[in-house]
Amino acid sequence: MSIDSQVEDMILRKGLTAPRVTPERIQELVDRVSHTYEVRGTSTFCHAFLDGKFYLATGHSACVSPENFDEGVRRIVAFSNMATAMRKKLW
């Protein structure tokens, strides 16, 4: 169970139902996010945009040695870092 789900359960158990941001609302926003990649040397960046225009976050990935650079691996790491930062910003 994610921390978001745990907190949501706690809020509902306590009867705290005033208007608020919910995990469902965050997921609705996440579903509207697009992302792009940018590679500079051994660094890979993943940029997130809400509705294709509002900048949310960037994830970064890099390797020390150019010999170890693998764009597929770097994209996965950059995307993961971006997704974490994006969710924090949306909350």
N, C-alpha and C. Protein backbone atom coordinates (compact mmCIF):
# COMPACT_ATOMS: atom_id res chain seq x y z
N MET A 1 0.85 -1.18 0.00
CA MET A 1 0.00 0.00 0.00
C MET A 1 0.89 1.24 0.00
N SER A 2 0.62 2.17 -0.89
CA SER A 2 1.44 3.38 -0.99
C SER A 2 1.18 4.30 0.19
N ILE A 3 2.10 5.20 0.45
CA ILE A 3 1.93 6.18 1.52
C ILE A 3 0.71 7.05 1.25
N ASP A 4 0.45 7.38 -0.01
CA ASP A 4 -0.74 8.17 -0.35
C ASP A 4 -2.01 7.44 0.08
N SER A 5 -2.07 6.16 -0.18
CA SER A 5 -3.24 5.36 0.21
C SER A 5 -3.36 5.25 1.72
N GLN A 6 -2.24 5.10 2.40
CA GLN A 6 -2.26 5.01 3.86
C GLN A 6 -2.79 6.31 4.48
N VAL A 7 -2.31 7.43 3.96
CA VAL A 7 -2.75 8.73 4.49
C VAL A 7 -4.24 8.93 4.18
N GLU A 8 -4.66 8.58 2.97
CA GLU A 8 -6.07 8.71 2.59
C GLU A 8 -6.95 7.88 3.53
N ASP A 9 -6.56 6.65 3.82
CA ASP A 9 -7.32 5.80 4.74
C ASP A 9 -7.41 6.44 6.12
N MET A 10 -6.30 7.00 6.60
CA MET A 10 -6.29 7.64 7.91
C MET A 10 -7.23 8.84 7.94
N ILE A 11 -7.20 9.64 6.89
CA ILE A 11 -8.06 10.83 6.81
C ILE A 11 -9.53 10.41 6.84
N LEU A 12 -9.88 9.39 6.07
CA LEU A 12 -11.28 8.94 6.02
C LEU A 12 -11.72 8.34 7.35
N ARG A 13 -10.84 7.57 8.00
CA ARG A 13 -11.19 6.99 9.31
C ARG A 13 -11.46 8.08 10.34
N LYS A 14 -10.78 9.19 10.22
CA LYS A 14 -10.95 10.29 11.17
C LYS A 14 -12.12 11.20 10.79
N GLY A 15 -12.75 10.94 9.65
CA GLY A 15 -13.89 11.73 9.22
C GLY A 15 -13.53 13.12 8.72
N LEU A 16 -12.31 13.30 8.27
CA LEU A 16 -11.85 14.60 7.77
C LEU A 16 -12.21 14.71 6.29
N THR A 17 -13.42 15.19 6.03
CA THR A 17 -13.94 15.17 4.67
C THR A 17 -14.13 16.55 4.05
N ALA A 18 -13.55 17.57 4.65
CA ALA A 18 -13.64 18.91 4.06
C ALA A 18 -12.93 18.90 2.70
N PRO A 19 -13.21 19.86 1.82
CA PRO A 19 -12.54 19.88 0.51
C PRO A 19 -11.02 19.79 0.66
N ARG A 20 -10.42 18.94 -0.17
CA ARG A 20 -8.99 18.69 -0.11
C ARG A 20 -8.52 18.02 -1.38
N VAL A 21 -7.24 17.94 -1.54
CA VAL A 21 -6.66 17.20 -2.65
C VAL A 21 -6.69 15.72 -2.28
N THR A 22 -7.09 14.89 -3.22
CA THR A 22 -7.18 13.45 -2.97
C THR A 22 -6.23 12.70 -3.90
N PRO A 23 -5.90 11.46 -3.56
CA PRO A 23 -5.07 10.66 -4.47
C PRO A 23 -5.71 10.54 -5.85
N GLU A 24 -7.04 10.46 -5.89
CA GLU A 24 -7.72 10.36 -7.18
C GLU A 24 -7.49 11.62 -8.02
N ARG A 25 -7.53 12.78 -7.38
CA ARG A 25 -7.29 14.04 -8.10
C ARG A 25 -5.86 14.11 -8.61
N ILE A 26 -4.91 13.67 -7.81
CA ILE A 26 -3.52 13.65 -8.25
C ILE A 26 -3.38 12.74 -9.47
N GLN A 27 -4.02 11.56 -9.44
CA GLN A 27 -3.93 10.65 -10.58
C GLN A 27 -4.56 11.26 -11.82
N GLU A 28 -5.66 12.00 -11.66
CA GLU A 28 -6.27 12.69 -12.81
C GLU A 28 -5.28 13.65 -13.45
N LEU A 29 -4.54 14.38 -12.61
CA LEU A 29 -3.53 15.30 -13.13
C LEU A 29 -2.38 14.56 -13.78
N VAL A 30 -1.91 13.50 -13.14
CA VAL A 30 -0.80 12.69 -13.69
C VAL A 30 -1.17 12.17 -15.07
N ASP A 31 -2.42 11.79 -15.25
CA ASP A 31 -2.86 11.27 -16.54
C ASP A 31 -2.80 12.32 -17.64
N ARG A 32 -2.71 13.59 -17.27
CA ARG A 32 -2.64 14.68 -18.26
C ARG A 32 -1.20 15.14 -18.51
N VAL A 33 -0.24 14.47 -17.92
CA VAL A 33 1.17 14.88 -18.03
C VAL A 33 1.82 14.22 -19.25
N SER A 34 2.58 15.02 -19.97
CA SER A 34 3.43 14.50 -21.04
C SER A 34 4.87 14.75 -20.64
N HIS A 35 5.79 14.03 -21.26
CA HIS A 35 7.20 14.22 -20.91
C HIS A 35 8.07 14.15 -22.16
N THR A 36 9.21 14.81 -22.05
CA THR A 36 10.20 14.81 -23.12
C THR A 36 11.56 14.47 -22.53
N TYR A 37 12.45 13.99 -23.39
CA TYR A 37 13.82 13.67 -22.98
C TYR A 37 14.80 14.60 -23.67
N GLU A 38 15.90 14.84 -22.99
CA GLU A 38 16.99 15.65 -23.54
C GLU A 38 18.29 14.98 -23.10
N VAL A 39 19.20 14.77 -24.03
CA VAL A 39 20.50 14.16 -23.70
C VAL A 39 21.59 15.18 -23.98
N ARG A 40 22.43 15.39 -22.98
CA ARG A 40 23.59 16.29 -23.11
C ARG A 40 24.80 15.57 -22.55
N GLY A 41 25.67 15.15 -23.43
CA GLY A 41 26.85 14.40 -22.99
C GLY A 41 26.43 13.11 -22.33
N THR A 42 26.84 12.92 -21.07
CA THR A 42 26.47 11.71 -20.33
C THR A 42 25.29 11.96 -19.39
N SER A 43 24.60 13.08 -19.58
CA SER A 43 23.42 13.40 -18.77
C SER A 43 22.15 13.24 -19.59
N THR A 44 21.13 12.70 -18.96
CA THR A 44 19.82 12.58 -19.58
C THR A 44 18.82 13.28 -18.67
N PHE A 45 17.96 14.09 -19.26
CA PHE A 45 16.94 14.82 -18.53
C PHE A 45 15.56 14.38 -19.03
N CYS A 46 14.62 14.28 -18.13
CA CYS A 46 13.24 14.00 -18.48
C CYS A 46 12.40 15.15 -17.90
N HIS A 47 11.72 15.89 -18.76
CA HIS A 47 10.92 17.06 -18.37
C HIS A 47 9.44 16.70 -18.43
N ALA A 48 8.68 17.08 -17.41
CA ALA A 48 7.25 16.81 -17.35
C ALA A 48 6.46 18.10 -17.52
N PHE A 49 5.37 18.00 -18.30
CA PHE A 49 4.51 19.15 -18.56
C PHE A 49 3.05 18.74 -18.39
N LEU A 50 2.30 19.54 -17.64
CA LEU A 50 0.87 19.32 -17.50
C LEU A 50 0.18 19.93 -18.70
N ASP A 51 -0.66 19.16 -19.35
CA ASP A 51 -1.38 19.59 -20.55
C ASP A 51 -0.44 20.05 -21.65
N GLY A 52 0.79 19.56 -21.63
CA GLY A 52 1.75 19.86 -22.68
C GLY A 52 2.33 21.26 -22.64
N LYS A 53 2.00 22.06 -21.62
CA LYS A 53 2.50 23.43 -21.60
C LYS A 53 2.97 23.94 -20.24
N PHE A 54 2.40 23.44 -19.15
CA PHE A 54 2.77 23.92 -17.82
C PHE A 54 3.89 23.03 -17.28
N TYR A 55 5.08 23.60 -17.12
CA TYR A 55 6.23 22.84 -16.63
C TYR A 55 6.00 22.39 -15.19
N LEU A 56 6.26 21.11 -14.93
CA LEU A 56 6.12 20.57 -13.58
C LEU A 56 7.44 20.22 -12.93
N ALA A 57 8.27 19.43 -13.61
CA ALA A 57 9.47 18.91 -12.96
C ALA A 57 10.44 18.34 -13.99
N THR A 58 11.68 18.17 -13.55
CA THR A 58 12.70 17.52 -14.37
C THR A 58 13.38 16.44 -13.54
N GLY A 59 13.61 15.31 -14.17
CA GLY A 59 14.41 14.25 -13.57
C GLY A 59 15.72 14.19 -14.31
N HIS A 60 16.78 13.85 -13.61
CA HIS A 60 18.12 13.84 -14.20
C HIS A 60 18.78 12.50 -13.93
N SER A 61 19.58 12.07 -14.87
CA SER A 61 20.37 10.86 -14.72
C SER A 61 21.70 11.09 -15.43
N ALA A 62 22.77 10.56 -14.87
CA ALA A 62 24.08 10.74 -15.48
C ALA A 62 24.99 9.57 -15.12
N CYS A 63 26.01 9.41 -15.91
CA CYS A 63 27.04 8.43 -15.59
C CYS A 63 28.40 9.14 -15.67
N VAL A 64 29.34 8.66 -14.92
CA VAL A 64 30.66 9.29 -14.86
C VAL A 64 31.46 9.02 -16.13
N SER A 65 31.42 7.79 -16.59
CA SER A 65 32.22 7.41 -17.76
C SER A 65 31.35 7.33 -19.01
N PRO A 66 31.75 8.00 -20.07
CA PRO A 66 30.99 7.90 -21.32
C PRO A 66 30.85 6.45 -21.80
N GLU A 67 31.80 5.60 -21.45
CA GLU A 67 31.73 4.20 -21.86
C GLU A 67 30.53 3.47 -21.22
N ASN A 68 30.07 3.97 -20.10
CA ASN A 68 28.94 3.35 -19.40
C ASN A 68 27.60 3.94 -19.82
N PHE A 69 27.61 4.91 -20.72
CA PHE A 69 26.36 5.56 -21.11
C PHE A 69 25.49 4.60 -21.91
N ASP A 70 24.27 4.42 -21.44
CA ASP A 70 23.27 3.62 -22.15
C ASP A 70 21.98 4.44 -22.09
N GLU A 71 21.53 4.93 -23.23
CA GLU A 71 20.39 5.84 -23.23
C GLU A 71 19.14 5.21 -22.64
N GLY A 72 18.91 3.94 -22.89
CA GLY A 72 17.73 3.28 -22.33
C GLY A 72 17.74 3.27 -20.82
N VAL A 73 18.87 2.91 -20.23
CA VAL A 73 19.00 2.89 -18.77
C VAL A 73 18.85 4.31 -18.22
N ARG A 74 19.53 5.26 -18.85
CA ARG A 74 19.47 6.65 -18.38
C ARG A 74 18.06 7.21 -18.44
N ARG A 75 17.30 6.85 -19.49
CA ARG A 75 15.91 7.32 -19.61
C ARG A 75 15.05 6.79 -18.47
N ILE A 76 15.23 5.53 -18.13
CA ILE A 76 14.45 4.94 -17.04
C ILE A 76 14.72 5.66 -15.73
N VAL A 77 16.00 5.91 -15.44
CA VAL A 77 16.37 6.57 -14.19
C VAL A 77 15.87 8.03 -14.19
N ALA A 78 16.06 8.73 -15.29
CA ALA A 78 15.60 10.13 -15.37
C ALA A 78 14.08 10.20 -15.23
N PHE A 79 13.37 9.28 -15.89
CA PHE A 79 11.90 9.26 -15.78
C PHE A 79 11.47 9.02 -14.34
N SER A 80 12.10 8.06 -13.67
CA SER A 80 11.76 7.76 -12.28
C SER A 80 11.99 8.98 -11.38
N ASN A 81 13.11 9.66 -11.56
CA ASN A 81 13.40 10.86 -10.77
C ASN A 81 12.41 11.97 -11.08
N MET A 82 12.01 12.11 -12.35
CA MET A 82 11.02 13.12 -12.73
C MET A 82 9.67 12.79 -12.09
N ALA A 83 9.26 11.52 -12.14
CA ALA A 83 7.96 11.13 -11.62
C ALA A 83 7.86 11.42 -10.12
N THR A 84 8.92 11.17 -9.38
CA THR A 84 8.94 11.47 -7.95
C THR A 84 8.79 12.97 -7.71
N ALA A 85 9.57 13.78 -8.42
CA ALA A 85 9.50 15.24 -8.26
C ALA A 85 8.14 15.77 -8.70
N MET A 86 7.59 15.23 -9.78
CA MET A 86 6.31 15.68 -10.30
C MET A 86 5.20 15.43 -9.28
N ARG A 87 5.16 14.23 -8.72
CA ARG A 87 4.11 13.93 -7.73
C ARG A 87 4.23 14.83 -6.51
N LYS A 88 5.44 15.10 -6.06
CA LYS A 88 5.63 16.01 -4.92
C LYS A 88 5.07 17.38 -5.24
N LYS A 89 5.34 17.85 -6.44
CA LYS A 89 4.86 19.18 -6.84
C LYS A 89 3.33 19.20 -6.93
N LEU A 90 2.74 18.16 -7.49
CA LEU A 90 1.29 18.12 -7.62
C LEU A 90 0.60 18.09 -6.24
N TRP A 91 1.20 17.38 -5.30
CA TRP A 91 0.63 17.37 -3.95
C TRP A 91 0.75 18.73 -3.33
